[in-house]
Amino acid sequence: MSMRPKPTGRPRTGARVAAVQALFQSEQTGESAETVAHQFIRHRIGAGDAAAQEAFEEGRVPLAHIPLFEAILKAAATRSEQCDAEIRAHLAKDWTLERLDPVLRAVFRAAAAELLNGAEPPARVVINEYLDIARGFLDEETCRFANGVLDSMAHTLRPAEFGAAR
């Protein structure tokens, strides 16, 4: 992940950024999400005395709500097959999960985990948060693609929020 989103000063957003980074790292290294979560909490979450921008440039997430970070990773790990099935269900027929950019795959997995994990936050918040994160790492065309998949997934997983019956 070469680009990093700018620090926002929003701990819940920071937790989501850290979750995407941790899911990416877990997939790349083959380490469990739990192992990566412990590494992040020990070494990457929290800015210490460094300024927020400097911390981000060093790959740290200075402001992250640790309980949300842990909840996203736990849901993504324990419901990984269900998350991946939801993502696959919302990809075009000529796309596979394996074909996706690994960062985009991590964004989708974190978003699916949150959408599957309860009614909070609202689906529109989940969509907007993960689109903002995607914009920090991916090009605009990929972000448009991400928007379509996230929106479709949210409508399926949280139909009541969009006024539709499942």
N, C-alpha and C. Protein backbone atom coordinates (compact mmCIF):
# COMPACT_ATOMS: atom_id res chain seq x y z
N MET A 1 0.85 -1.16 0.00
CA MET A 1 0.00 0.00 0.00
C MET A 1 0.90 1.23 0.00
N SER A 2 1.04 1.84 -1.11
CA SER A 2 1.96 2.95 -1.20
C SER A 2 1.36 4.26 -0.73
N MET A 3 0.09 4.50 -1.03
CA MET A 3 -0.53 5.75 -0.61
C MET A 3 -1.22 5.54 0.73
N ARG A 4 -1.33 6.59 1.49
CA ARG A 4 -2.04 6.53 2.76
C ARG A 4 -3.01 7.68 2.82
N PRO A 5 -4.22 7.43 3.32
CA PRO A 5 -5.15 8.53 3.46
C PRO A 5 -4.63 9.52 4.49
N LYS A 6 -5.04 10.76 4.34
CA LYS A 6 -4.63 11.79 5.29
C LYS A 6 -5.33 11.54 6.62
N PRO A 7 -4.66 11.86 7.72
CA PRO A 7 -5.30 11.71 9.01
C PRO A 7 -6.55 12.58 9.08
N THR A 8 -7.58 12.07 9.66
CA THR A 8 -8.84 12.80 9.70
C THR A 8 -9.18 13.32 11.08
N GLY A 9 -8.55 12.81 12.12
CA GLY A 9 -8.91 13.21 13.46
C GLY A 9 -10.19 12.51 13.92
N ARG A 10 -10.60 11.48 13.19
CA ARG A 10 -11.82 10.75 13.52
C ARG A 10 -11.43 9.32 13.90
N PRO A 11 -11.49 8.98 15.19
CA PRO A 11 -11.03 7.66 15.64
C PRO A 11 -11.75 6.48 15.00
N ARG A 12 -13.03 6.59 14.68
CA ARG A 12 -13.73 5.47 14.06
C ARG A 12 -13.26 5.29 12.62
N THR A 13 -12.98 6.39 11.94
CA THR A 13 -12.41 6.30 10.59
C THR A 13 -11.02 5.68 10.68
N GLY A 14 -10.25 6.10 11.65
CA GLY A 14 -8.91 5.55 11.86
C GLY A 14 -8.96 4.04 12.09
N ALA A 15 -9.97 3.59 12.84
CA ALA A 15 -10.12 2.15 13.09
C ALA A 15 -10.38 1.41 11.79
N ARG A 16 -11.16 2.02 10.91
CA ARG A 16 -11.47 1.37 9.62
C ARG A 16 -10.24 1.36 8.72
N VAL A 17 -9.48 2.43 8.71
CA VAL A 17 -8.23 2.47 7.93
C VAL A 17 -7.30 1.37 8.43
N ALA A 18 -7.14 1.29 9.75
CA ALA A 18 -6.26 0.27 10.34
C ALA A 18 -6.77 -1.13 10.00
N ALA A 19 -8.09 -1.33 10.02
CA ALA A 19 -8.65 -2.65 9.71
C ALA A 19 -8.35 -3.05 8.27
N VAL A 20 -8.49 -2.11 7.35
CA VAL A 20 -8.18 -2.40 5.94
C VAL A 20 -6.70 -2.74 5.81
N GLN A 21 -5.84 -1.95 6.45
CA GLN A 21 -4.41 -2.22 6.38
C GLN A 21 -4.08 -3.58 6.99
N ALA A 22 -4.73 -3.91 8.11
CA ALA A 22 -4.46 -5.19 8.78
C ALA A 22 -4.95 -6.37 7.94
N LEU A 23 -6.12 -6.24 7.32
CA LEU A 23 -6.62 -7.31 6.46
C LEU A 23 -5.71 -7.50 5.25
N PHE A 24 -5.24 -6.39 4.69
CA PHE A 24 -4.28 -6.46 3.58
C PHE A 24 -3.02 -7.19 4.03
N GLN A 25 -2.47 -6.78 5.18
CA GLN A 25 -1.24 -7.39 5.69
C GLN A 25 -1.45 -8.87 5.98
N SER A 26 -2.57 -9.21 6.57
CA SER A 26 -2.86 -10.61 6.88
C SER A 26 -2.85 -11.47 5.62
N GLU A 27 -3.49 -10.96 4.57
CA GLU A 27 -3.52 -11.71 3.32
C GLU A 27 -2.13 -11.82 2.70
N GLN A 28 -1.37 -10.74 2.74
CA GLN A 28 -0.05 -10.73 2.10
C GLN A 28 0.96 -11.61 2.83
N THR A 29 0.87 -11.64 4.17
CA THR A 29 1.86 -12.39 4.94
C THR A 29 1.41 -13.79 5.32
N GLY A 30 0.10 -14.04 5.22
CA GLY A 30 -0.43 -15.33 5.63
C GLY A 30 -0.63 -15.44 7.14
N GLU A 31 -0.38 -14.36 7.86
CA GLU A 31 -0.60 -14.36 9.31
C GLU A 31 -2.10 -14.21 9.59
N SER A 32 -2.55 -14.76 10.70
CA SER A 32 -3.96 -14.66 11.04
C SER A 32 -4.33 -13.20 11.32
N ALA A 33 -5.61 -12.90 11.14
CA ALA A 33 -6.09 -11.54 11.43
C ALA A 33 -5.86 -11.20 12.90
N GLU A 34 -5.99 -12.20 13.77
CA GLU A 34 -5.78 -11.96 15.21
C GLU A 34 -4.32 -11.57 15.49
N THR A 35 -3.38 -12.27 14.87
CA THR A 35 -1.96 -11.95 15.05
C THR A 35 -1.66 -10.55 14.56
N VAL A 36 -2.18 -10.22 13.38
CA VAL A 36 -1.95 -8.89 12.81
C VAL A 36 -2.61 -7.83 13.68
N ALA A 37 -3.79 -8.12 14.21
CA ALA A 37 -4.48 -7.15 15.09
C ALA A 37 -3.61 -6.82 16.29
N HIS A 38 -3.02 -7.84 16.91
CA HIS A 38 -2.15 -7.60 18.07
C HIS A 38 -0.94 -6.75 17.68
N GLN A 39 -0.36 -7.03 16.51
CA GLN A 39 0.78 -6.23 16.04
C GLN A 39 0.38 -4.77 15.85
N PHE A 40 -0.77 -4.55 15.24
CA PHE A 40 -1.25 -3.18 15.00
C PHE A 40 -1.46 -2.44 16.31
N ILE A 41 -2.10 -3.10 17.26
CA ILE A 41 -2.38 -2.43 18.53
C ILE A 41 -1.08 -2.10 19.25
N ARG A 42 -0.12 -2.99 19.20
CA ARG A 42 1.17 -2.74 19.88
C ARG A 42 2.04 -1.72 19.16
N HIS A 43 2.05 -1.74 17.83
CA HIS A 43 3.06 -0.97 17.10
C HIS A 43 2.55 0.12 16.16
N ARG A 44 1.28 0.07 15.76
CA ARG A 44 0.87 1.00 14.72
C ARG A 44 -0.27 1.92 15.10
N ILE A 45 -1.04 1.56 16.10
CA ILE A 45 -2.15 2.42 16.50
C ILE A 45 -1.66 3.33 17.61
N GLY A 46 -1.93 4.61 17.44
CA GLY A 46 -1.49 5.61 18.41
C GLY A 46 -0.28 6.34 17.89
N ALA A 47 -0.28 7.64 18.03
CA ALA A 47 0.79 8.46 17.45
C ALA A 47 1.93 8.70 18.41
N GLY A 48 1.73 8.44 19.68
CA GLY A 48 2.78 8.79 20.63
C GLY A 48 2.99 10.29 20.60
N ASP A 49 4.25 10.72 20.56
CA ASP A 49 4.55 12.14 20.53
C ASP A 49 4.64 12.70 19.12
N ALA A 50 4.61 11.81 18.11
CA ALA A 50 4.75 12.27 16.73
C ALA A 50 3.47 12.98 16.28
N ALA A 51 3.62 13.91 15.37
CA ALA A 51 2.47 14.57 14.78
C ALA A 51 1.69 13.56 13.95
N ALA A 52 0.41 13.79 13.79
CA ALA A 52 -0.45 12.83 13.10
C ALA A 52 0.03 12.55 11.68
N GLN A 53 0.38 13.58 10.91
CA GLN A 53 0.82 13.37 9.52
C GLN A 53 2.10 12.54 9.48
N GLU A 54 3.05 12.83 10.36
CA GLU A 54 4.28 12.05 10.40
C GLU A 54 3.99 10.60 10.73
N ALA A 55 3.08 10.37 11.65
CA ALA A 55 2.73 9.00 12.03
C ALA A 55 2.14 8.25 10.84
N PHE A 56 1.26 8.91 10.08
CA PHE A 56 0.66 8.28 8.90
C PHE A 56 1.74 7.94 7.89
N GLU A 57 2.68 8.85 7.69
CA GLU A 57 3.75 8.60 6.72
C GLU A 57 4.61 7.42 7.14
N GLU A 58 4.65 7.11 8.44
CA GLU A 58 5.41 5.97 8.94
C GLU A 58 4.56 4.70 8.97
N GLY A 59 3.31 4.78 8.45
CA GLY A 59 2.45 3.61 8.41
C GLY A 59 1.66 3.38 9.68
N ARG A 60 1.61 4.38 10.54
CA ARG A 60 0.84 4.25 11.78
C ARG A 60 -0.52 4.88 11.61
N VAL A 61 -1.43 4.52 12.48
CA VAL A 61 -2.77 5.10 12.50
C VAL A 61 -2.90 5.79 13.85
N PRO A 62 -2.65 7.11 13.87
CA PRO A 62 -2.56 7.81 15.15
C PRO A 62 -3.85 7.83 15.96
N LEU A 63 -4.96 7.94 15.30
CA LEU A 63 -6.23 7.98 16.02
C LEU A 63 -7.08 6.83 15.53
N ALA A 64 -7.21 5.81 16.34
CA ALA A 64 -8.04 4.67 15.96
C ALA A 64 -8.79 4.17 17.18
N HIS A 65 -10.06 3.97 17.01
CA HIS A 65 -10.93 3.44 18.05
C HIS A 65 -10.66 1.93 18.10
N ILE A 66 -9.89 1.49 19.08
CA ILE A 66 -9.43 0.10 19.14
C ILE A 66 -10.58 -0.90 19.22
N PRO A 67 -11.64 -0.67 20.01
CA PRO A 67 -12.74 -1.65 20.02
C PRO A 67 -13.38 -1.86 18.64
N LEU A 68 -13.54 -0.78 17.87
CA LEU A 68 -14.09 -0.93 16.53
C LEU A 68 -13.11 -1.67 15.63
N PHE A 69 -11.84 -1.33 15.69
CA PHE A 69 -10.80 -2.02 14.92
C PHE A 69 -10.86 -3.53 15.19
N GLU A 70 -10.89 -3.89 16.48
CA GLU A 70 -10.93 -5.30 16.86
C GLU A 70 -12.23 -5.97 16.40
N ALA A 71 -13.35 -5.27 16.49
CA ALA A 71 -14.63 -5.84 16.08
C ALA A 71 -14.66 -6.12 14.58
N ILE A 72 -14.12 -5.20 13.78
CA ILE A 72 -14.09 -5.40 12.33
C ILE A 72 -13.22 -6.60 11.98
N LEU A 73 -12.02 -6.67 12.58
CA LEU A 73 -11.13 -7.79 12.27
C LEU A 73 -11.71 -9.11 12.75
N LYS A 74 -12.32 -9.12 13.93
CA LYS A 74 -12.92 -10.36 14.44
C LYS A 74 -14.05 -10.82 13.51
N ALA A 75 -14.91 -9.90 13.10
CA ALA A 75 -16.01 -10.25 12.20
C ALA A 75 -15.47 -10.72 10.85
N ALA A 76 -14.47 -10.04 10.34
CA ALA A 76 -13.89 -10.43 9.04
C ALA A 76 -13.24 -11.81 9.12
N ALA A 77 -12.64 -12.14 10.26
CA ALA A 77 -11.99 -13.44 10.42
C ALA A 77 -13.00 -14.55 10.67
N THR A 78 -13.94 -14.33 11.59
CA THR A 78 -14.87 -15.39 11.94
C THR A 78 -15.94 -15.61 10.89
N ARG A 79 -16.18 -14.58 10.07
CA ARG A 79 -17.21 -14.71 9.03
C ARG A 79 -16.58 -14.54 7.65
N SER A 80 -15.34 -14.96 7.50
CA SER A 80 -14.61 -14.72 6.25
C SER A 80 -15.30 -15.34 5.04
N GLU A 81 -15.80 -16.57 5.19
CA GLU A 81 -16.47 -17.21 4.05
C GLU A 81 -17.73 -16.45 3.67
N GLN A 82 -18.50 -16.00 4.67
CA GLN A 82 -19.72 -15.25 4.39
C GLN A 82 -19.39 -13.89 3.78
N CYS A 83 -18.35 -13.23 4.28
CA CYS A 83 -17.93 -11.94 3.70
C CYS A 83 -17.55 -12.12 2.24
N ASP A 84 -16.71 -13.12 1.97
CA ASP A 84 -16.27 -13.34 0.60
C ASP A 84 -17.44 -13.72 -0.31
N ALA A 85 -18.39 -14.51 0.21
CA ALA A 85 -19.57 -14.88 -0.59
C ALA A 85 -20.40 -13.64 -0.93
N GLU A 86 -20.54 -12.74 0.02
CA GLU A 86 -21.29 -11.50 -0.23
C GLU A 86 -20.59 -10.65 -1.29
N ILE A 87 -19.28 -10.55 -1.19
CA ILE A 87 -18.52 -9.77 -2.18
C ILE A 87 -18.69 -10.40 -3.56
N ARG A 88 -18.49 -11.71 -3.65
CA ARG A 88 -18.64 -12.41 -4.94
C ARG A 88 -20.02 -12.19 -5.55
N ALA A 89 -21.04 -12.20 -4.70
CA ALA A 89 -22.41 -12.04 -5.18
C ALA A 89 -22.66 -10.67 -5.81
N HIS A 90 -21.80 -9.71 -5.50
CA HIS A 90 -22.01 -8.35 -6.00
C HIS A 90 -20.98 -7.91 -7.03
N LEU A 91 -20.15 -8.85 -7.46
CA LEU A 91 -19.21 -8.57 -8.54
C LEU A 91 -19.86 -8.93 -9.86
N ALA A 92 -19.45 -8.25 -10.91
CA ALA A 92 -19.92 -8.60 -12.25
C ALA A 92 -19.49 -10.02 -12.57
N LYS A 93 -20.20 -10.68 -13.49
CA LYS A 93 -19.95 -12.08 -13.80
C LYS A 93 -18.51 -12.35 -14.25
N ASP A 94 -17.89 -11.37 -14.89
CA ASP A 94 -16.53 -11.60 -15.39
C ASP A 94 -15.45 -11.26 -14.35
N TRP A 95 -15.86 -10.90 -13.14
CA TRP A 95 -14.91 -10.59 -12.08
C TRP A 95 -14.92 -11.69 -11.04
N THR A 96 -13.73 -11.99 -10.52
CA THR A 96 -13.62 -12.92 -9.40
C THR A 96 -13.00 -12.17 -8.24
N LEU A 97 -13.19 -12.69 -7.05
CA LEU A 97 -12.59 -12.09 -5.86
C LEU A 97 -11.07 -12.05 -6.00
N GLU A 98 -10.51 -13.10 -6.56
CA GLU A 98 -9.06 -13.20 -6.72
C GLU A 98 -8.52 -12.17 -7.72
N ARG A 99 -9.34 -11.73 -8.64
CA ARG A 99 -8.92 -10.77 -9.66
C ARG A 99 -8.82 -9.34 -9.10
N LEU A 100 -9.53 -9.09 -8.00
CA LEU A 100 -9.53 -7.75 -7.42
C LEU A 100 -8.15 -7.36 -6.91
N ASP A 101 -7.87 -6.07 -6.96
CA ASP A 101 -6.67 -5.53 -6.31
C ASP A 101 -6.72 -5.94 -4.84
N PRO A 102 -5.61 -6.37 -4.25
CA PRO A 102 -5.64 -6.83 -2.86
C PRO A 102 -6.09 -5.75 -1.86
N VAL A 103 -5.81 -4.49 -2.15
CA VAL A 103 -6.28 -3.42 -1.27
C VAL A 103 -7.81 -3.32 -1.37
N LEU A 104 -8.33 -3.40 -2.58
CA LEU A 104 -9.77 -3.34 -2.77
C LEU A 104 -10.45 -4.53 -2.09
N ARG A 105 -9.83 -5.68 -2.18
CA ARG A 105 -10.36 -6.87 -1.52
C ARG A 105 -10.43 -6.64 0.00
N ALA A 106 -9.41 -6.02 0.57
CA ALA A 106 -9.40 -5.71 2.00
C ALA A 106 -10.49 -4.70 2.36
N VAL A 107 -10.69 -3.70 1.50
CA VAL A 107 -11.76 -2.71 1.72
C VAL A 107 -13.11 -3.43 1.72
N PHE A 108 -13.35 -4.26 0.72
CA PHE A 108 -14.63 -4.98 0.63
C PHE A 108 -14.83 -5.91 1.82
N ARG A 109 -13.78 -6.60 2.25
CA ARG A 109 -13.92 -7.53 3.38
C ARG A 109 -14.25 -6.79 4.67
N ALA A 110 -13.59 -5.67 4.90
CA ALA A 110 -13.87 -4.88 6.11
C ALA A 110 -15.30 -4.34 6.06
N ALA A 111 -15.71 -3.83 4.91
CA ALA A 111 -17.07 -3.29 4.78
C ALA A 111 -18.11 -4.39 4.95
N ALA A 112 -17.89 -5.54 4.33
CA ALA A 112 -18.83 -6.66 4.47
C ALA A 112 -18.93 -7.08 5.93
N ALA A 113 -17.79 -7.14 6.61
CA ALA A 113 -17.80 -7.52 8.02
C ALA A 113 -18.65 -6.55 8.84
N GLU A 114 -18.50 -5.26 8.58
CA GLU A 114 -19.31 -4.28 9.32
C GLU A 114 -20.78 -4.39 8.98
N LEU A 115 -21.09 -4.55 7.70
CA LEU A 115 -22.49 -4.65 7.29
C LEU A 115 -23.16 -5.91 7.86
N LEU A 116 -22.41 -6.99 7.97
CA LEU A 116 -22.94 -8.24 8.51
C LEU A 116 -23.01 -8.25 10.03
N ASN A 117 -22.29 -7.35 10.67
CA ASN A 117 -22.09 -7.41 12.12
C ASN A 117 -23.15 -6.67 12.92
N GLY A 118 -24.22 -6.23 12.31
CA GLY A 118 -25.26 -5.55 13.07
C GLY A 118 -25.82 -4.38 12.30
N ALA A 119 -26.68 -3.64 12.96
CA ALA A 119 -27.38 -2.54 12.31
C ALA A 119 -26.67 -1.20 12.48
N GLU A 120 -25.60 -1.17 13.22
CA GLU A 120 -24.86 0.08 13.44
C GLU A 120 -23.44 -0.08 12.94
N PRO A 121 -22.88 0.93 12.35
CA PRO A 121 -23.49 2.19 11.97
C PRO A 121 -24.42 1.98 10.77
N PRO A 122 -25.17 3.02 10.41
CA PRO A 122 -26.02 2.89 9.22
C PRO A 122 -25.22 2.50 7.98
N ALA A 123 -25.86 1.79 7.09
CA ALA A 123 -25.19 1.30 5.88
C ALA A 123 -24.57 2.44 5.07
N ARG A 124 -25.25 3.56 4.99
CA ARG A 124 -24.69 4.69 4.21
C ARG A 124 -23.38 5.19 4.81
N VAL A 125 -23.27 5.13 6.13
CA VAL A 125 -22.02 5.52 6.79
C VAL A 125 -20.91 4.53 6.40
N VAL A 126 -21.23 3.25 6.43
CA VAL A 126 -20.25 2.22 6.05
C VAL A 126 -19.78 2.46 4.62
N ILE A 127 -20.72 2.68 3.71
CA ILE A 127 -20.36 2.92 2.31
C ILE A 127 -19.44 4.13 2.20
N ASN A 128 -19.83 5.25 2.79
CA ASN A 128 -19.03 6.48 2.69
C ASN A 128 -17.66 6.34 3.31
N GLU A 129 -17.59 5.71 4.47
CA GLU A 129 -16.30 5.54 5.14
C GLU A 129 -15.33 4.72 4.28
N TYR A 130 -15.81 3.59 3.76
CA TYR A 130 -14.92 2.74 2.98
C TYR A 130 -14.60 3.32 1.61
N LEU A 131 -15.48 4.12 1.06
CA LEU A 131 -15.15 4.83 -0.18
C LEU A 131 -14.06 5.86 0.07
N ASP A 132 -14.14 6.57 1.19
CA ASP A 132 -13.09 7.53 1.54
C ASP A 132 -11.75 6.82 1.70
N ILE A 133 -11.77 5.66 2.33
CA ILE A 133 -10.52 4.89 2.50
C ILE A 133 -10.00 4.44 1.14
N ALA A 134 -10.89 3.93 0.30
CA ALA A 134 -10.48 3.47 -1.03
C ALA A 134 -9.83 4.61 -1.81
N ARG A 135 -10.39 5.81 -1.70
CA ARG A 135 -9.82 6.96 -2.41
C ARG A 135 -8.39 7.26 -1.97
N GLY A 136 -8.03 6.90 -0.76
CA GLY A 136 -6.67 7.11 -0.28
C GLY A 136 -5.67 6.13 -0.87
N PHE A 137 -6.15 5.02 -1.40
CA PHE A 137 -5.26 3.97 -1.89
C PHE A 137 -5.40 3.68 -3.38
N LEU A 138 -6.57 3.96 -3.96
CA LEU A 138 -6.88 3.47 -5.31
C LEU A 138 -7.26 4.61 -6.25
N ASP A 139 -7.20 4.34 -7.55
CA ASP A 139 -7.53 5.36 -8.53
C ASP A 139 -9.05 5.57 -8.61
N GLU A 140 -9.45 6.64 -9.30
CA GLU A 140 -10.86 7.04 -9.34
C GLU A 140 -11.74 5.99 -10.02
N GLU A 141 -11.26 5.36 -11.07
CA GLU A 141 -12.06 4.33 -11.75
C GLU A 141 -12.33 3.15 -10.82
N THR A 142 -11.32 2.73 -10.08
CA THR A 142 -11.49 1.64 -9.13
C THR A 142 -12.46 2.06 -8.01
N CYS A 143 -12.40 3.31 -7.61
CA CYS A 143 -13.31 3.80 -6.57
C CYS A 143 -14.76 3.82 -7.05
N ARG A 144 -14.98 4.14 -8.32
CA ARG A 144 -16.34 4.09 -8.87
C ARG A 144 -16.85 2.64 -8.85
N PHE A 145 -15.99 1.71 -9.23
CA PHE A 145 -16.33 0.29 -9.17
C PHE A 145 -16.65 -0.10 -7.73
N ALA A 146 -15.81 0.33 -6.78
CA ALA A 146 -16.02 0.04 -5.36
C ALA A 146 -17.35 0.59 -4.88
N ASN A 147 -17.70 1.79 -5.32
CA ASN A 147 -18.97 2.40 -4.92
C ASN A 147 -20.14 1.52 -5.33
N GLY A 148 -20.11 1.02 -6.56
CA GLY A 148 -21.20 0.17 -7.04
C GLY A 148 -21.32 -1.12 -6.24
N VAL A 149 -20.19 -1.75 -5.94
CA VAL A 149 -20.21 -3.01 -5.19
C VAL A 149 -20.66 -2.76 -3.75
N LEU A 150 -20.12 -1.72 -3.11
CA LEU A 150 -20.50 -1.42 -1.73
C LEU A 150 -21.98 -1.08 -1.62
N ASP A 151 -22.48 -0.29 -2.56
CA ASP A 151 -23.88 0.10 -2.55
C ASP A 151 -24.79 -1.12 -2.73
N SER A 152 -24.46 -1.97 -3.68
CA SER A 152 -25.24 -3.17 -3.94
C SER A 152 -25.22 -4.10 -2.73
N MET A 153 -24.04 -4.27 -2.14
CA MET A 153 -23.91 -5.14 -0.97
C MET A 153 -24.73 -4.58 0.20
N ALA A 154 -24.68 -3.29 0.41
CA ALA A 154 -25.42 -2.66 1.51
C ALA A 154 -26.93 -2.81 1.31
N HIS A 155 -27.39 -2.63 0.07
CA HIS A 155 -28.81 -2.79 -0.20
C HIS A 155 -29.29 -4.22 0.07
N THR A 156 -28.45 -5.20 -0.21
CA THR A 156 -28.81 -6.60 0.03
C THR A 156 -28.76 -6.94 1.51
N LEU A 157 -27.71 -6.49 2.20
CA LEU A 157 -27.52 -6.87 3.60
C LEU A 157 -28.35 -6.03 4.57
N ARG A 158 -28.71 -4.81 4.17
CA ARG A 158 -29.49 -3.94 5.05
C ARG A 158 -30.67 -3.33 4.29
N PRO A 159 -31.53 -4.15 3.70
CA PRO A 159 -32.60 -3.63 2.84
C PRO A 159 -33.55 -2.66 3.55
N ALA A 160 -33.79 -2.87 4.82
CA ALA A 160 -34.73 -2.00 5.54
C ALA A 160 -34.25 -0.55 5.56
N GLU A 161 -32.94 -0.36 5.54
CA GLU A 161 -32.40 1.01 5.56
C GLU A 161 -32.64 1.75 4.25
N PHE A 162 -32.95 1.00 3.22
CA PHE A 162 -33.17 1.62 1.92
C PHE A 162 -34.63 1.52 1.49
N GLY A 163 -35.49 1.13 2.46
CA GLY A 163 -36.92 1.07 2.18
C GLY A 163 -37.35 -0.10 1.32
N ALA A 164 -36.54 -1.17 1.28
CA ALA A 164 -36.88 -2.33 0.44
C ALA A 164 -36.96 -3.57 1.33
N ALA A 165 -37.80 -4.45 0.97
CA ALA A 165 -37.88 -5.73 1.69
C ALA A 165 -36.87 -6.69 1.08
N ARG A 166 -36.32 -7.54 1.91
CA ARG A 166 -35.31 -8.49 1.43
C ARG A 166 -35.93 -9.68 0.78
